[in-house]
Structure formats: structure tokens, C-alpha cells
Amino acid sequence: MNNAAIVTRDYTSAFPDPISIKETNTAVISHCDLEYHGWVWVTLPSGKAGWAPQQIFAPFSANEVICLED
């Protein structure tokens, strides 16, 4: 099966500077995406924020989660 594609225009990401989360990092989850279930907006201690899959986090404290994998 041929999976070739032809690119017809440039794409500019809405998030050109994505977050990078490592195992054992802590973060704060502020809200979930209503359109894409399972994705949450997280803010790292550095202040950098972005979307991440909810299943990679576990509760850590009253307002923080801990990342379970990179």
C-alpha cells in the first residue's frame, strides 16, 4: 500500500514552542480540552505551559500532579 502524500501549503503550528515533560516532573493541571478528551492544560514550575495527555499524570499534592513517563 502506498502512503504517499503531496503537500499543497505550509503549516504553522499553533504551539511553536511545545512543552517537554520528563518522568517525575511536577505540574499543575488547570483544565481539560472539551473537544479532545484526555488532554489537559499543564503548567510546569518554570511557567511554561501546554497540552499533555492526562493518563501520564498521577496526583501529587492538593494542586499538583507528577508525571509518570517522559
N, C-alpha and C. Protein backbone atom coordinates (compact mmCIF):
# COMPACT_ATOMS: atom_id res chain seq x y z
N MET A 1 0.84 -1.17 0.00
CA MET A 1 0.00 0.00 0.00
C MET A 1 0.89 1.24 0.00
N ASN A 2 0.60 2.18 -0.85
CA ASN A 2 1.37 3.42 -0.97
C ASN A 2 0.75 4.49 -0.09
N ASN A 3 1.53 5.03 0.84
CA ASN A 3 1.05 6.08 1.75
C ASN A 3 1.63 7.44 1.39
N ALA A 4 1.91 7.68 0.13
CA ALA A 4 2.49 8.94 -0.31
C ALA A 4 1.46 10.06 -0.22
N ALA A 5 1.94 11.27 0.00
CA ALA A 5 1.08 12.45 0.07
C ALA A 5 1.77 13.60 -0.64
N ILE A 6 0.97 14.54 -1.11
CA ILE A 6 1.50 15.74 -1.74
C ILE A 6 1.16 16.92 -0.85
N VAL A 7 2.19 17.66 -0.44
CA VAL A 7 1.99 18.83 0.41
C VAL A 7 1.61 19.99 -0.50
N THR A 8 0.49 20.65 -0.16
CA THR A 8 -0.01 21.73 -1.01
C THR A 8 0.15 23.11 -0.40
N ARG A 9 0.45 23.20 0.90
CA ARG A 9 0.65 24.50 1.53
C ARG A 9 1.44 24.34 2.83
N ASP A 10 2.02 25.43 3.29
CA ASP A 10 2.76 25.45 4.54
C ASP A 10 1.80 25.34 5.72
N TYR A 11 2.31 24.81 6.83
CA TYR A 11 1.53 24.74 8.07
C TYR A 11 2.32 25.42 9.17
N THR A 12 1.65 26.28 9.91
CA THR A 12 2.26 26.94 11.05
C THR A 12 1.57 26.43 12.31
N SER A 13 2.32 25.81 13.18
CA SER A 13 1.77 25.25 14.40
C SER A 13 1.20 26.34 15.31
N ALA A 14 0.10 26.04 15.97
CA ALA A 14 -0.47 26.97 16.94
C ALA A 14 0.39 27.01 18.20
N PHE A 15 1.24 26.00 18.39
CA PHE A 15 2.11 25.91 19.56
C PHE A 15 3.55 25.66 19.08
N PRO A 16 4.23 26.70 18.59
CA PRO A 16 5.57 26.51 18.02
C PRO A 16 6.65 26.17 19.03
N ASP A 17 6.38 26.35 20.32
CA ASP A 17 7.37 26.07 21.36
C ASP A 17 6.74 25.10 22.37
N PRO A 18 6.59 23.82 22.01
CA PRO A 18 5.88 22.87 22.87
C PRO A 18 6.62 22.59 24.17
N ILE A 19 5.85 22.18 25.19
CA ILE A 19 6.47 21.81 26.46
C ILE A 19 7.08 20.42 26.34
N SER A 20 8.03 20.16 27.20
CA SER A 20 8.66 18.85 27.30
C SER A 20 8.58 18.44 28.76
N ILE A 21 7.97 17.28 29.00
CA ILE A 21 7.77 16.82 30.36
C ILE A 21 8.54 15.51 30.55
N LYS A 22 9.27 15.43 31.62
CA LYS A 22 10.04 14.24 31.95
C LYS A 22 9.41 13.51 33.14
N GLU A 23 9.68 12.21 33.22
CA GLU A 23 9.22 11.42 34.34
C GLU A 23 9.68 12.06 35.65
N THR A 24 8.82 12.12 36.61
CA THR A 24 8.98 12.69 37.96
C THR A 24 8.84 14.21 38.01
N ASN A 25 8.68 14.88 36.85
CA ASN A 25 8.41 16.32 36.88
C ASN A 25 7.04 16.55 37.49
N THR A 26 6.89 17.66 38.18
CA THR A 26 5.58 18.04 38.70
C THR A 26 4.99 19.13 37.80
N ALA A 27 3.67 19.26 37.87
CA ALA A 27 2.97 20.26 37.07
C ALA A 27 1.63 20.54 37.73
N VAL A 28 0.99 21.59 37.27
CA VAL A 28 -0.36 21.94 37.71
C VAL A 28 -1.28 21.79 36.51
N ILE A 29 -2.38 21.05 36.68
CA ILE A 29 -3.38 20.92 35.62
C ILE A 29 -4.46 21.97 35.88
N SER A 30 -4.74 22.80 34.88
CA SER A 30 -5.74 23.84 35.08
C SER A 30 -7.08 23.50 34.44
N HIS A 31 -7.08 22.84 33.29
CA HIS A 31 -8.34 22.48 32.66
C HIS A 31 -8.13 21.41 31.59
N CYS A 32 -9.24 20.80 31.17
CA CYS A 32 -9.17 19.76 30.15
C CYS A 32 -9.73 20.30 28.84
N ASP A 33 -9.40 19.64 27.75
CA ASP A 33 -9.90 20.02 26.44
C ASP A 33 -11.25 19.34 26.22
N LEU A 34 -12.28 20.12 25.96
CA LEU A 34 -13.62 19.57 25.78
C LEU A 34 -13.80 18.88 24.44
N GLU A 35 -13.00 19.27 23.45
CA GLU A 35 -13.09 18.66 22.12
C GLU A 35 -12.25 17.40 22.02
N TYR A 36 -11.08 17.41 22.63
CA TYR A 36 -10.16 16.27 22.57
C TYR A 36 -10.05 15.67 23.98
N HIS A 37 -10.93 14.76 24.30
CA HIS A 37 -10.98 14.16 25.63
C HIS A 37 -9.65 13.48 25.98
N GLY A 38 -9.24 13.62 27.23
CA GLY A 38 -8.00 13.00 27.68
C GLY A 38 -6.79 13.92 27.60
N TRP A 39 -6.97 15.15 27.10
CA TRP A 39 -5.87 16.11 27.04
C TRP A 39 -6.12 17.21 28.06
N VAL A 40 -5.08 17.60 28.78
CA VAL A 40 -5.18 18.61 29.82
C VAL A 40 -4.13 19.70 29.62
N TRP A 41 -4.46 20.90 30.07
CA TRP A 41 -3.52 22.02 30.01
C TRP A 41 -2.68 21.99 31.28
N VAL A 42 -1.38 21.84 31.14
CA VAL A 42 -0.49 21.75 32.30
C VAL A 42 0.49 22.92 32.30
N THR A 43 0.83 23.34 33.49
CA THR A 43 1.83 24.39 33.66
C THR A 43 2.96 23.83 34.53
N LEU A 44 4.17 23.91 34.00
CA LEU A 44 5.35 23.43 34.72
C LEU A 44 5.82 24.48 35.72
N PRO A 45 6.63 24.11 36.70
CA PRO A 45 7.16 25.08 37.67
C PRO A 45 7.90 26.25 37.00
N SER A 46 8.45 26.02 35.80
CA SER A 46 9.15 27.09 35.08
C SER A 46 8.20 28.13 34.51
N GLY A 47 6.89 27.81 34.51
CA GLY A 47 5.90 28.72 33.92
C GLY A 47 5.49 28.34 32.52
N LYS A 48 6.27 27.45 31.90
CA LYS A 48 5.93 27.01 30.55
C LYS A 48 4.69 26.12 30.62
N ALA A 49 3.78 26.29 29.66
CA ALA A 49 2.52 25.56 29.70
C ALA A 49 2.17 25.00 28.32
N GLY A 50 1.32 23.96 28.33
CA GLY A 50 0.87 23.37 27.08
C GLY A 50 -0.01 22.17 27.33
N TRP A 51 -0.47 21.55 26.24
CA TRP A 51 -1.35 20.38 26.31
C TRP A 51 -0.53 19.12 26.49
N ALA A 52 -1.08 18.18 27.28
CA ALA A 52 -0.43 16.88 27.51
C ALA A 52 -1.52 15.83 27.75
N PRO A 53 -1.22 14.56 27.47
CA PRO A 53 -2.22 13.51 27.72
C PRO A 53 -2.39 13.28 29.23
N GLN A 54 -3.62 13.28 29.67
CA GLN A 54 -3.93 13.17 31.10
C GLN A 54 -3.42 11.88 31.73
N GLN A 55 -3.39 10.78 30.96
CA GLN A 55 -3.04 9.48 31.54
C GLN A 55 -1.58 9.37 31.98
N ILE A 56 -0.73 10.32 31.65
CA ILE A 56 0.67 10.24 32.09
C ILE A 56 0.90 10.91 33.43
N PHE A 57 -0.18 11.38 34.08
CA PHE A 57 -0.05 12.08 35.36
C PHE A 57 -0.76 11.34 36.48
N ALA A 58 -0.25 11.51 37.70
CA ALA A 58 -0.88 10.99 38.91
C ALA A 58 -0.92 12.13 39.93
N PRO A 59 -1.92 12.15 40.81
CA PRO A 59 -1.97 13.20 41.84
C PRO A 59 -0.70 13.18 42.69
N PHE A 60 -0.23 14.38 43.03
CA PHE A 60 1.00 14.52 43.83
C PHE A 60 0.71 15.27 45.13
N SER A 61 -0.05 16.36 45.02
CA SER A 61 -0.46 17.13 46.19
C SER A 61 -1.82 17.74 45.87
N ALA A 62 -2.28 18.64 46.71
CA ALA A 62 -3.62 19.22 46.53
C ALA A 62 -3.80 19.90 45.17
N ASN A 63 -2.75 20.48 44.63
CA ASN A 63 -2.89 21.18 43.36
C ASN A 63 -1.83 20.80 42.33
N GLU A 64 -1.09 19.73 42.57
CA GLU A 64 -0.04 19.31 41.64
C GLU A 64 -0.22 17.85 41.23
N VAL A 65 0.33 17.55 40.07
CA VAL A 65 0.40 16.17 39.60
C VAL A 65 1.87 15.84 39.34
N ILE A 66 2.18 14.57 39.26
CA ILE A 66 3.53 14.13 38.93
C ILE A 66 3.46 13.34 37.64
N CYS A 67 4.45 13.53 36.78
CA CYS A 67 4.49 12.85 35.50
C CYS A 67 5.05 11.44 35.70
N LEU A 68 4.39 10.46 35.10
CA LEU A 68 4.77 9.05 35.25
C LEU A 68 5.70 8.55 34.15
N GLU A 69 5.85 9.32 33.07
CA GLU A 69 6.72 8.92 31.95
C GLU A 69 7.15 10.15 31.18
N ASP A 70 8.22 10.03 30.41
CA ASP A 70 8.68 11.14 29.56
C ASP A 70 7.64 11.43 28.49
